Amino acid sequence: PGGRVALMGPSGCGKTTLLRIALGLLEPTEGAVRNSFRKTAAVFQEPLLLDGSVLSNVVLGQTLRGKSRGAKENAMKWLSKFGIEHLSSQMAHTLSGGEAQRASLARAFALEPEILMMDEPFSSVDNISRQGLIKAFKEVRSASRTTTLLVTHDFREVLALADKVLVLADGKVQAQGTPEEIAGAVLWLL
């Protein structure tokens, strides 16, 4: 609980597939998933926001999970933590990439997940927005102690956000350890 694991590896090695299997979005072609995680949330590379306001997007997950009571107040709390409460009434499709990803993160944390699974959530925003987004995420994640699984190609994100790294290649874990222990392995595997 509270662990921060990064999953790295070259394109096509199975990182996203593994994440989708863990989320229950895909069935494995071999083997079985032993644990079923009920309290999960996911954030993807492209924010999956629906038509409607930012607030309605953050409230949606709570409503679908039967937590309508206090959902708007909870959503506003998380929008505030990600610095976009002032955008709550704005239509989601008008947001910049960084703002949309902040809304997506607020929606995920509003669900109070035990495990947050993220597939390259910072890669689709510009470098300046990425730095601010990673900083906001670190602060929120530290306060919530949510276990996170982060798929990324960016070792700077690993250093900032993970305490353990798994390096995949050819569909198998090739190396694992702390970011500092893995630094050399990443160079020859990626």
N, C-alpha and C. Protein backbone atom coordinates (compact mmCIF):
# COMPACT_ATOMS: atom_id res chain seq x y z
N PRO A 1 0.83 -1.20 0.00
CA PRO A 1 0.00 0.00 0.00
C PRO A 1 0.87 1.25 0.00
N GLY A 2 0.49 2.21 -0.82
CA GLY A 2 1.23 3.45 -0.91
C GLY A 2 2.45 3.39 -1.79
N GLY A 3 2.72 2.22 -2.38
CA GLY A 3 3.89 2.08 -3.24
C GLY A 3 3.75 2.85 -4.53
N ARG A 4 4.90 3.17 -5.12
CA ARG A 4 4.93 3.91 -6.37
C ARG A 4 5.81 3.13 -7.34
N VAL A 5 5.18 2.42 -8.28
CA VAL A 5 5.90 1.55 -9.20
C VAL A 5 5.82 2.12 -10.60
N ALA A 6 6.97 2.20 -11.26
CA ALA A 6 7.02 2.63 -12.66
C ALA A 6 7.31 1.41 -13.52
N LEU A 7 6.66 1.35 -14.65
CA LEU A 7 6.83 0.29 -15.63
C LEU A 7 7.43 0.94 -16.87
N MET A 8 8.63 0.49 -17.24
CA MET A 8 9.33 1.06 -18.39
C MET A 8 9.68 -0.03 -19.37
N GLY A 9 10.01 0.38 -20.57
CA GLY A 9 10.47 -0.55 -21.58
C GLY A 9 10.26 0.03 -22.96
N PRO A 10 10.83 -0.62 -23.97
CA PRO A 10 10.68 -0.11 -25.33
C PRO A 10 9.25 -0.21 -25.83
N SER A 11 8.92 0.54 -26.85
CA SER A 11 7.59 0.49 -27.45
C SER A 11 7.28 -0.94 -27.88
N GLY A 12 6.06 -1.38 -27.60
CA GLY A 12 5.62 -2.70 -28.02
C GLY A 12 6.00 -3.84 -27.10
N CYS A 13 6.59 -3.54 -25.94
CA CYS A 13 7.03 -4.62 -25.05
C CYS A 13 5.92 -5.14 -24.14
N GLY A 14 4.76 -4.46 -24.09
CA GLY A 14 3.63 -4.96 -23.31
C GLY A 14 3.24 -4.14 -22.11
N LYS A 15 3.80 -2.94 -21.94
CA LYS A 15 3.49 -2.12 -20.77
C LYS A 15 2.01 -1.77 -20.69
N THR A 16 1.49 -1.21 -21.76
CA THR A 16 0.09 -0.80 -21.78
C THR A 16 -0.82 -2.01 -21.72
N THR A 17 -0.45 -3.08 -22.38
CA THR A 17 -1.25 -4.31 -22.33
C THR A 17 -1.34 -4.82 -20.90
N LEU A 18 -0.21 -4.84 -20.19
CA LEU A 18 -0.21 -5.28 -18.79
C LEU A 18 -1.11 -4.39 -17.95
N LEU A 19 -1.03 -3.09 -18.16
CA LEU A 19 -1.88 -2.16 -17.41
C LEU A 19 -3.36 -2.42 -17.69
N ARG A 20 -3.70 -2.61 -18.96
CA ARG A 20 -5.10 -2.87 -19.32
C ARG A 20 -5.60 -4.20 -18.77
N ILE A 21 -4.74 -5.20 -18.70
CA ILE A 21 -5.12 -6.48 -18.08
C ILE A 21 -5.36 -6.27 -16.59
N ALA A 22 -4.48 -5.53 -15.94
CA ALA A 22 -4.63 -5.26 -14.50
C ALA A 22 -5.92 -4.49 -14.21
N LEU A 23 -6.32 -3.63 -15.15
CA LEU A 23 -7.56 -2.86 -14.99
C LEU A 23 -8.80 -3.68 -15.33
N GLY A 24 -8.62 -4.85 -15.92
CA GLY A 24 -9.76 -5.67 -16.34
C GLY A 24 -10.32 -5.26 -17.68
N LEU A 25 -9.59 -4.44 -18.44
CA LEU A 25 -10.05 -4.00 -19.75
C LEU A 25 -9.70 -5.01 -20.85
N LEU A 26 -8.73 -5.86 -20.58
CA LEU A 26 -8.33 -6.92 -21.50
C LEU A 26 -8.20 -8.24 -20.74
N GLU A 27 -8.44 -9.32 -21.43
CA GLU A 27 -8.22 -10.65 -20.86
C GLU A 27 -6.82 -11.10 -21.26
N PRO A 28 -6.08 -11.72 -20.36
CA PRO A 28 -4.76 -12.22 -20.74
C PRO A 28 -4.88 -13.39 -21.72
N THR A 29 -3.94 -13.50 -22.65
CA THR A 29 -3.94 -14.62 -23.59
C THR A 29 -3.36 -15.87 -22.95
N GLU A 30 -2.56 -15.68 -21.92
CA GLU A 30 -2.02 -16.79 -21.14
C GLU A 30 -2.06 -16.41 -19.68
N GLY A 31 -2.07 -17.41 -18.83
CA GLY A 31 -2.05 -17.15 -17.40
C GLY A 31 -3.37 -16.60 -16.89
N ALA A 32 -3.32 -16.06 -15.69
CA ALA A 32 -4.53 -15.53 -15.06
C ALA A 32 -4.16 -14.36 -14.16
N VAL A 33 -5.12 -13.49 -13.95
CA VAL A 33 -4.95 -12.40 -13.01
C VAL A 33 -5.44 -12.91 -11.66
N ARG A 34 -4.59 -12.89 -10.67
CA ARG A 34 -4.94 -13.46 -9.36
C ARG A 34 -5.76 -12.53 -8.49
N ASN A 35 -5.49 -11.26 -8.56
CA ASN A 35 -6.19 -10.31 -7.70
C ASN A 35 -7.11 -9.44 -8.53
N SER A 36 -8.28 -9.21 -7.99
CA SER A 36 -9.21 -8.29 -8.65
C SER A 36 -9.24 -7.02 -7.81
N PHE A 37 -8.80 -5.93 -8.40
CA PHE A 37 -8.77 -4.66 -7.68
C PHE A 37 -10.09 -3.94 -7.88
N ARG A 38 -10.80 -3.69 -6.82
CA ARG A 38 -12.10 -3.04 -6.92
C ARG A 38 -12.00 -1.53 -6.88
N LYS A 39 -11.11 -1.02 -6.09
CA LYS A 39 -11.02 0.42 -5.94
C LYS A 39 -9.84 0.95 -6.75
N THR A 40 -10.00 0.92 -8.06
CA THR A 40 -8.96 1.43 -8.94
C THR A 40 -9.47 2.64 -9.71
N ALA A 41 -8.54 3.38 -10.22
CA ALA A 41 -8.84 4.47 -11.14
C ALA A 41 -7.71 4.48 -12.16
N ALA A 42 -7.99 5.03 -13.32
CA ALA A 42 -6.99 5.07 -14.37
C ALA A 42 -6.91 6.45 -15.00
N VAL A 43 -5.71 6.81 -15.40
CA VAL A 43 -5.46 8.04 -16.14
C VAL A 43 -4.62 7.65 -17.34
N PHE A 44 -5.07 8.03 -18.51
CA PHE A 44 -4.40 7.64 -19.75
C PHE A 44 -3.66 8.81 -20.37
N GLN A 45 -2.88 8.52 -21.39
CA GLN A 45 -2.10 9.54 -22.09
C GLN A 45 -2.99 10.65 -22.62
N GLU A 46 -4.09 10.29 -23.21
CA GLU A 46 -5.07 11.27 -23.68
C GLU A 46 -6.20 11.32 -22.65
N PRO A 47 -6.47 12.47 -22.08
CA PRO A 47 -7.55 12.56 -21.09
C PRO A 47 -8.89 12.17 -21.72
N LEU A 48 -9.58 11.27 -21.11
CA LEU A 48 -10.86 10.80 -21.64
C LEU A 48 -11.98 11.59 -20.98
N LEU A 49 -12.18 12.80 -21.46
CA LEU A 49 -13.23 13.65 -20.92
C LEU A 49 -14.43 13.65 -21.85
N LEU A 50 -15.61 13.66 -21.26
CA LEU A 50 -16.85 13.64 -22.01
C LEU A 50 -17.32 15.06 -22.28
N ASP A 51 -18.29 15.21 -23.20
CA ASP A 51 -18.91 16.51 -23.39
C ASP A 51 -19.53 16.94 -22.07
N GLY A 52 -19.45 18.18 -21.77
CA GLY A 52 -20.00 18.70 -20.53
C GLY A 52 -18.95 19.51 -19.81
N SER A 53 -19.29 20.00 -18.65
CA SER A 53 -18.39 20.85 -17.88
C SER A 53 -17.28 20.02 -17.24
N VAL A 54 -16.26 20.70 -16.81
CA VAL A 54 -15.18 20.05 -16.08
C VAL A 54 -15.74 19.41 -14.81
N LEU A 55 -16.58 20.14 -14.10
CA LEU A 55 -17.17 19.62 -12.87
C LEU A 55 -17.98 18.35 -13.15
N SER A 56 -18.79 18.34 -14.18
CA SER A 56 -19.60 17.15 -14.46
C SER A 56 -18.71 15.95 -14.81
N ASN A 57 -17.57 16.19 -15.42
CA ASN A 57 -16.64 15.11 -15.72
C ASN A 57 -16.04 14.52 -14.45
N VAL A 58 -15.70 15.37 -13.50
CA VAL A 58 -15.10 14.89 -12.26
C VAL A 58 -16.14 14.20 -11.38
N VAL A 59 -17.37 14.67 -11.43
CA VAL A 59 -18.46 14.06 -10.66
C VAL A 59 -18.87 12.70 -11.22
N LEU A 60 -18.73 12.52 -12.53
CA LEU A 60 -19.25 11.34 -13.21
C LEU A 60 -18.81 10.02 -12.59
N GLY A 61 -17.52 9.86 -12.36
CA GLY A 61 -17.03 8.59 -11.80
C GLY A 61 -17.65 8.27 -10.45
N GLN A 62 -17.80 9.29 -9.63
CA GLN A 62 -18.41 9.09 -8.32
C GLN A 62 -19.87 8.64 -8.46
N THR A 63 -20.57 9.28 -9.39
CA THR A 63 -21.97 8.94 -9.63
C THR A 63 -22.11 7.51 -10.11
N LEU A 64 -21.23 7.12 -11.03
CA LEU A 64 -21.28 5.74 -11.55
C LEU A 64 -20.99 4.71 -10.48
N ARG A 65 -20.25 5.11 -9.46
CA ARG A 65 -19.94 4.19 -8.36
C ARG A 65 -20.93 4.34 -7.20
N GLY A 66 -22.01 5.07 -7.43
CA GLY A 66 -23.05 5.19 -6.41
C GLY A 66 -22.72 6.13 -5.28
N LYS A 67 -21.83 7.07 -5.52
CA LYS A 67 -21.44 8.02 -4.48
C LYS A 67 -21.88 9.43 -4.86
N SER A 68 -23.17 9.60 -5.09
CA SER A 68 -23.70 10.90 -5.52
C SER A 68 -23.71 11.93 -4.40
N ARG A 69 -23.95 11.48 -3.19
CA ARG A 69 -24.01 12.41 -2.07
C ARG A 69 -22.65 13.06 -1.83
N GLY A 70 -22.61 14.36 -1.91
CA GLY A 70 -21.37 15.10 -1.69
C GLY A 70 -20.40 15.06 -2.86
N ALA A 71 -20.84 14.51 -4.00
CA ALA A 71 -19.94 14.34 -5.14
C ALA A 71 -19.43 15.67 -5.68
N LYS A 72 -20.31 16.68 -5.74
CA LYS A 72 -19.86 17.98 -6.27
C LYS A 72 -18.83 18.63 -5.36
N GLU A 73 -19.06 18.57 -4.06
CA GLU A 73 -18.11 19.15 -3.11
C GLU A 73 -16.78 18.41 -3.18
N ASN A 74 -16.84 17.09 -3.28
CA ASN A 74 -15.63 16.29 -3.39
C ASN A 74 -14.89 16.61 -4.69
N ALA A 75 -15.64 16.73 -5.78
CA ALA A 75 -15.03 17.07 -7.07
C ALA A 75 -14.34 18.43 -6.99
N MET A 76 -14.99 19.41 -6.38
CA MET A 76 -14.40 20.75 -6.26
C MET A 76 -13.12 20.70 -5.41
N LYS A 77 -13.11 19.87 -4.39
CA LYS A 77 -11.91 19.72 -3.55
C LYS A 77 -10.74 19.24 -4.41
N TRP A 78 -10.99 18.24 -5.26
CA TRP A 78 -9.91 17.68 -6.08
C TRP A 78 -9.53 18.62 -7.22
N LEU A 79 -10.48 19.32 -7.78
CA LEU A 79 -10.15 20.33 -8.79
C LEU A 79 -9.25 21.41 -8.17
N SER A 80 -9.54 21.78 -6.94
CA SER A 80 -8.73 22.76 -6.24
C SER A 80 -7.32 22.24 -6.02
N LYS A 81 -7.20 20.98 -5.63
CA LYS A 81 -5.87 20.41 -5.38
C LYS A 81 -5.03 20.39 -6.65
N PHE A 82 -5.68 20.28 -7.80
CA PHE A 82 -4.94 20.31 -9.06
C PHE A 82 -4.93 21.70 -9.70
N GLY A 83 -5.41 22.70 -8.94
CA GLY A 83 -5.29 24.09 -9.38
C GLY A 83 -6.20 24.52 -10.51
N ILE A 84 -7.33 23.82 -10.70
CA ILE A 84 -8.23 24.19 -11.80
C ILE A 84 -9.68 24.36 -11.35
N GLU A 85 -9.89 24.64 -10.08
CA GLU A 85 -11.27 24.82 -9.60
C GLU A 85 -11.96 25.96 -10.33
N HIS A 86 -11.19 26.95 -10.77
CA HIS A 86 -11.76 28.09 -11.49
C HIS A 86 -12.29 27.68 -12.87
N LEU A 87 -11.97 26.49 -13.33
CA LEU A 87 -12.44 25.99 -14.63
C LEU A 87 -13.63 25.04 -14.49
N SER A 88 -14.18 24.91 -13.31
CA SER A 88 -15.22 23.91 -13.06
C SER A 88 -16.43 24.03 -13.98
N SER A 89 -16.82 25.23 -14.37
CA SER A 89 -17.99 25.39 -15.23
C SER A 89 -17.63 25.45 -16.72
N GLN A 90 -16.35 25.42 -17.01
CA GLN A 90 -15.92 25.46 -18.42
C GLN A 90 -16.19 24.11 -19.09
N MET A 91 -16.49 24.14 -20.37
CA MET A 91 -16.72 22.91 -21.13
C MET A 91 -15.39 22.17 -21.29
N ALA A 92 -15.40 20.89 -21.06
CA ALA A 92 -14.18 20.10 -21.06
C ALA A 92 -13.44 20.16 -22.40
N HIS A 93 -14.17 20.22 -23.50
CA HIS A 93 -13.52 20.22 -24.81
C HIS A 93 -12.76 21.51 -25.11
N THR A 94 -12.91 22.54 -24.27
CA THR A 94 -12.21 23.80 -24.49
C THR A 94 -10.90 23.89 -23.69
N LEU A 95 -10.59 22.87 -22.91
CA LEU A 95 -9.40 22.91 -22.06
C LEU A 95 -8.13 22.68 -22.87
N SER A 96 -7.04 23.23 -22.38
CA SER A 96 -5.73 22.92 -22.96
C SER A 96 -5.37 21.49 -22.56
N GLY A 97 -4.33 20.96 -23.15
CA GLY A 97 -3.91 19.59 -22.82
C GLY A 97 -3.58 19.41 -21.35
N GLY A 98 -2.85 20.36 -20.80
CA GLY A 98 -2.48 20.29 -19.38
C GLY A 98 -3.69 20.41 -18.46
N GLU A 99 -4.60 21.32 -18.81
CA GLU A 99 -5.82 21.47 -18.01
C GLU A 99 -6.67 20.21 -18.07
N ALA A 100 -6.78 19.62 -19.25
CA ALA A 100 -7.58 18.40 -19.40
C ALA A 100 -6.97 17.27 -18.59
N GLN A 101 -5.65 17.18 -18.58
CA GLN A 101 -5.01 16.11 -17.81
C GLN A 101 -5.18 16.36 -16.31
N ARG A 102 -5.17 17.60 -15.89
CA ARG A 102 -5.45 17.91 -14.47
C ARG A 102 -6.88 17.50 -14.11
N ALA A 103 -7.83 17.75 -15.02
CA ALA A 103 -9.22 17.34 -14.78
C ALA A 103 -9.31 15.82 -14.70
N SER A 104 -8.58 15.13 -15.55
CA SER A 104 -8.58 13.68 -15.54
C SER A 104 -7.99 13.14 -14.23
N LEU A 105 -6.92 13.75 -13.76
CA LEU A 105 -6.33 13.35 -12.48
C LEU A 105 -7.28 13.65 -11.32
N ALA A 106 -7.93 14.81 -11.35
CA ALA A 106 -8.90 15.14 -10.30
C ALA A 106 -10.03 14.12 -10.26
N ARG A 107 -10.52 13.72 -11.44
CA ARG A 107 -11.59 12.71 -11.50
C ARG A 107 -11.12 11.38 -10.90
N ALA A 108 -9.88 10.99 -11.22
CA ALA A 108 -9.35 9.73 -10.68
C ALA A 108 -9.23 9.79 -9.17
N PHE A 109 -8.65 10.85 -8.64
CA PHE A 109 -8.47 10.95 -7.18
C PHE A 109 -9.80 11.14 -6.45
N ALA A 110 -10.79 11.74 -7.10
CA ALA A 110 -12.11 11.91 -6.47
C ALA A 110 -12.74 10.56 -6.16
N LEU A 111 -12.32 9.52 -6.87
CA LEU A 111 -12.84 8.17 -6.62
C LEU A 111 -12.20 7.53 -5.38
N GLU A 112 -11.18 8.18 -4.83
CA GLU A 112 -10.44 7.67 -3.68
C GLU A 112 -9.98 6.24 -3.92
N PRO A 113 -9.23 6.02 -5.01
CA PRO A 113 -8.80 4.66 -5.35
C PRO A 113 -7.73 4.14 -4.41
N GLU A 114 -7.71 2.83 -4.26
CA GLU A 114 -6.60 2.20 -3.55
C GLU A 114 -5.39 2.15 -4.48
N ILE A 115 -5.67 1.95 -5.77
CA ILE A 115 -4.60 1.87 -6.76
C ILE A 115 -4.95 2.78 -7.94
N LEU A 116 -4.00 3.62 -8.30
CA LEU A 116 -4.15 4.49 -9.46
C LEU A 116 -3.19 3.98 -10.54
N MET A 117 -3.74 3.62 -11.69
CA MET A 117 -2.94 3.12 -12.80
C MET A 117 -2.89 4.20 -13.87
N MET A 118 -1.68 4.53 -14.30
CA MET A 118 -1.50 5.65 -15.21
C MET A 118 -0.65 5.21 -16.41
N ASP A 119 -1.15 5.50 -17.60
CA ASP A 119 -0.47 5.14 -18.84
C ASP A 119 0.04 6.40 -19.52
N GLU A 120 1.31 6.72 -19.29
CA GLU A 120 1.97 7.90 -19.86
C GLU A 120 1.12 9.17 -19.72
N PRO A 121 0.69 9.48 -18.50
CA PRO A 121 -0.24 10.60 -18.32
C PRO A 121 0.34 11.98 -18.56
N PHE A 122 1.67 12.09 -18.61
CA PHE A 122 2.28 13.41 -18.75
C PHE A 122 2.89 13.62 -20.14
N SER A 123 2.83 12.62 -20.99
CA SER A 123 3.54 12.69 -22.27
C SER A 123 2.85 13.55 -23.32
N SER A 124 1.56 13.81 -23.18
CA SER A 124 0.86 14.56 -24.21
C SER A 124 0.79 16.06 -23.94
N VAL A 125 1.50 16.51 -22.92
CA VAL A 125 1.50 17.95 -22.62
C VAL A 125 2.90 18.53 -22.84
N ASP A 126 2.96 19.83 -23.09
CA ASP A 126 4.25 20.47 -23.32
C ASP A 126 5.11 20.41 -22.05
N ASN A 127 6.40 20.63 -22.21
CA ASN A 127 7.36 20.45 -21.13
C ASN A 127 7.07 21.34 -19.92
N ILE A 128 6.71 22.59 -20.14
CA ILE A 128 6.42 23.49 -19.02
C ILE A 128 5.17 23.01 -18.27
N SER A 129 4.13 22.65 -19.00
CA SER A 129 2.91 22.13 -18.36
C SER A 129 3.21 20.81 -17.64
N ARG A 130 4.05 19.98 -18.25
CA ARG A 130 4.40 18.68 -17.65
C ARG A 130 5.05 18.87 -16.29
N GLN A 131 5.97 19.82 -16.19
CA GLN A 131 6.65 20.05 -14.92
C GLN A 131 5.66 20.46 -13.83
N GLY A 132 4.74 21.37 -14.16
CA GLY A 132 3.73 21.79 -13.19
C GLY A 132 2.77 20.67 -12.83
N LEU A 133 2.41 19.88 -13.82
CA LEU A 133 1.49 18.77 -13.60
C LEU A 133 2.13 17.70 -12.72
N ILE A 134 3.40 17.38 -12.98
CA ILE A 134 4.11 16.40 -12.15
C ILE A 134 4.23 16.91 -10.72
N LYS A 135 4.53 18.20 -10.56
CA LYS A 135 4.63 18.77 -9.21
C LYS A 135 3.29 18.66 -8.48
N ALA A 136 2.20 19.03 -9.14
CA ALA A 136 0.87 18.94 -8.52
C ALA A 136 0.53 17.48 -8.19
N PHE A 137 0.84 16.58 -9.12
CA PHE A 137 0.56 15.17 -8.89
C PHE A 137 1.34 14.65 -7.68
N LYS A 138 2.62 14.99 -7.59
CA LYS A 138 3.44 14.54 -6.46
C LYS A 138 2.85 14.99 -5.13
N GLU A 139 2.42 16.25 -5.07
CA GLU A 139 1.86 16.78 -3.83
C GLU A 139 0.58 16.04 -3.46
N VAL A 140 -0.31 15.87 -4.41
CA VAL A 140 -1.59 15.20 -4.15
C VAL A 140 -1.35 13.73 -3.81
N ARG A 141 -0.51 13.08 -4.56
CA ARG A 141 -0.24 11.66 -4.35
C ARG A 141 0.41 11.42 -2.99
N SER A 142 1.31 12.28 -2.58
CA SER A 142 1.96 12.13 -1.28
C SER A 142 0.96 12.27 -0.14
N ALA A 143 0.05 13.21 -0.27
CA ALA A 143 -0.96 13.42 0.77
C ALA A 143 -1.96 12.27 0.81
N SER A 144 -2.26 11.67 -0.33
CA SER A 144 -3.29 10.62 -0.36
C SER A 144 -2.74 9.24 -0.08
N ARG A 145 -1.43 9.02 -0.30
CA ARG A 145 -0.79 7.71 -0.12
C ARG A 145 -1.41 6.63 -1.01
N THR A 146 -1.94 7.03 -2.15
CA THR A 146 -2.52 6.09 -3.10
C THR A 146 -1.40 5.31 -3.77
N THR A 147 -1.56 4.00 -3.86
CA THR A 147 -0.61 3.16 -4.59
C THR A 147 -0.72 3.53 -6.07
N THR A 148 0.43 3.69 -6.73
CA THR A 148 0.40 4.06 -8.14
C THR A 148 1.24 3.12 -8.99
N LEU A 149 0.72 2.84 -10.17
CA LEU A 149 1.45 2.10 -11.20
C LEU A 149 1.52 3.03 -12.40
N LEU A 150 2.72 3.44 -12.76
CA LEU A 150 2.95 4.43 -13.81
C LEU A 150 3.68 3.80 -14.98
N VAL A 151 3.07 3.82 -16.16
CA VAL A 151 3.74 3.43 -17.38
C VAL A 151 4.34 4.69 -17.98
N THR A 152 5.64 4.65 -18.27
CA THR A 152 6.31 5.83 -18.83
C THR A 152 7.54 5.44 -19.63
N HIS A 153 7.92 6.32 -20.55
CA HIS A 153 9.18 6.19 -21.27
C HIS A 153 10.22 7.18 -20.73
N ASP A 154 9.78 8.06 -19.87
CA ASP A 154 10.61 9.18 -19.42
C ASP A 154 11.24 8.86 -18.06
N PHE A 155 12.56 8.66 -18.06
CA PHE A 155 13.23 8.30 -16.81
C PHE A 155 13.20 9.43 -15.79
N ARG A 156 13.06 10.69 -16.25
CA ARG A 156 12.93 11.80 -15.30
C ARG A 156 11.65 11.65 -14.48
N GLU A 157 10.57 11.16 -15.12
CA GLU A 157 9.32 10.90 -14.39
C GLU A 157 9.53 9.79 -13.37
N VAL A 158 10.28 8.77 -13.76
CA VAL A 158 10.57 7.66 -12.84
C VAL A 158 11.29 8.19 -11.61
N LEU A 159 12.33 8.99 -11.83
CA LEU A 159 13.09 9.54 -10.70
C LEU A 159 12.21 10.40 -9.80
N ALA A 160 11.28 11.14 -10.38
CA ALA A 160 10.43 12.04 -9.60
C ALA A 160 9.27 11.33 -8.91
N LEU A 161 8.78 10.23 -9.51
CA LEU A 161 7.51 9.67 -9.06
C LEU A 161 7.52 8.24 -8.57
N ALA A 162 8.62 7.51 -8.73
CA ALA A 162 8.60 6.09 -8.39
C ALA A 162 9.62 5.73 -7.32
N ASP A 163 9.29 4.71 -6.53
CA ASP A 163 10.28 4.17 -5.61
C ASP A 163 10.71 2.77 -6.04
N LYS A 164 10.05 2.21 -7.06
CA LYS A 164 10.44 0.92 -7.63
C LYS A 164 10.18 0.98 -9.13
N VAL A 165 11.05 0.31 -9.90
CA VAL A 165 10.93 0.30 -11.35
C VAL A 165 10.98 -1.14 -11.83
N LEU A 166 10.08 -1.46 -12.77
CA LEU A 166 10.13 -2.73 -13.49
C LEU A 166 10.42 -2.39 -14.94
N VAL A 167 11.42 -3.02 -15.52
CA VAL A 167 11.77 -2.78 -16.91
C VAL A 167 11.35 -4.01 -17.71
N LEU A 168 10.44 -3.80 -18.68
CA LEU A 168 9.97 -4.88 -19.54
C LEU A 168 10.69 -4.84 -20.87
N ALA A 169 10.94 -6.01 -21.42
CA ALA A 169 11.42 -6.15 -22.79
C ALA A 169 11.04 -7.56 -23.22
N ASP A 170 10.60 -7.70 -24.44
CA ASP A 170 10.18 -8.99 -24.97
C ASP A 170 9.10 -9.65 -24.10
N GLY A 171 8.22 -8.82 -23.52
CA GLY A 171 7.10 -9.33 -22.74
C GLY A 171 7.45 -9.87 -21.37
N LYS A 172 8.68 -9.65 -20.92
CA LYS A 172 9.12 -10.17 -19.62
C LYS A 172 9.82 -9.07 -18.83
N VAL A 173 9.78 -9.21 -17.50
CA VAL A 173 10.51 -8.28 -16.65
C VAL A 173 12.00 -8.61 -16.79
N GLN A 174 12.77 -7.63 -17.26
CA GLN A 174 14.20 -7.82 -17.48
C GLN A 174 15.04 -7.28 -16.32
N ALA A 175 14.48 -6.31 -15.60
CA ALA A 175 15.20 -5.72 -14.47
C ALA A 175 14.18 -5.10 -13.53
N GLN A 176 14.54 -5.05 -12.25
CA GLN A 176 13.69 -4.37 -11.28
C GLN A 176 14.54 -3.88 -10.14
N GLY A 177 14.10 -2.79 -9.53
CA GLY A 177 14.83 -2.21 -8.41
C GLY A 177 14.42 -0.77 -8.22
N THR A 178 15.20 -0.05 -7.45
CA THR A 178 14.95 1.37 -7.26
C THR A 178 15.33 2.10 -8.54
N PRO A 179 14.86 3.34 -8.71
CA PRO A 179 15.27 4.09 -9.91
C PRO A 179 16.79 4.19 -10.05
N GLU A 180 17.47 4.40 -8.94
CA GLU A 180 18.92 4.51 -8.98
C GLU A 180 19.57 3.19 -9.40
N GLU A 181 19.04 2.06 -8.92
CA GLU A 181 19.58 0.75 -9.29
C GLU A 181 19.33 0.43 -10.77
N ILE A 182 18.22 0.92 -11.28
CA ILE A 182 17.82 0.60 -12.65
C ILE A 182 18.44 1.53 -13.69
N ALA A 183 18.97 2.65 -13.28
CA ALA A 183 19.47 3.66 -14.22
C ALA A 183 20.36 3.05 -15.31
N GLY A 184 21.30 2.20 -14.97
CA GLY A 184 22.18 1.57 -15.95
C GLY A 184 21.45 0.59 -16.84
N ALA A 185 20.52 -0.16 -16.27
CA ALA A 185 19.77 -1.16 -17.06
C ALA A 185 18.90 -0.50 -18.10
N VAL A 186 18.34 0.63 -17.76
CA VAL A 186 17.45 1.33 -18.69
C VAL A 186 18.19 1.74 -19.95
N LEU A 187 19.43 2.16 -19.79
CA LEU A 187 20.20 2.61 -20.96
C LEU A 187 20.39 1.52 -22.00
N TRP A 188 20.65 0.30 -21.58
CA TRP A 188 20.87 -0.76 -22.59
C TRP A 188 19.58 -1.42 -23.05
N LEU A 189 18.51 -1.30 -22.27
CA LEU A 189 17.25 -1.93 -22.66
C LEU A 189 16.39 -1.03 -23.55
N LEU A 190 16.50 0.27 -23.40
CA LEU A 190 15.65 1.20 -24.13
C LEU A 190 16.27 1.74 -25.35
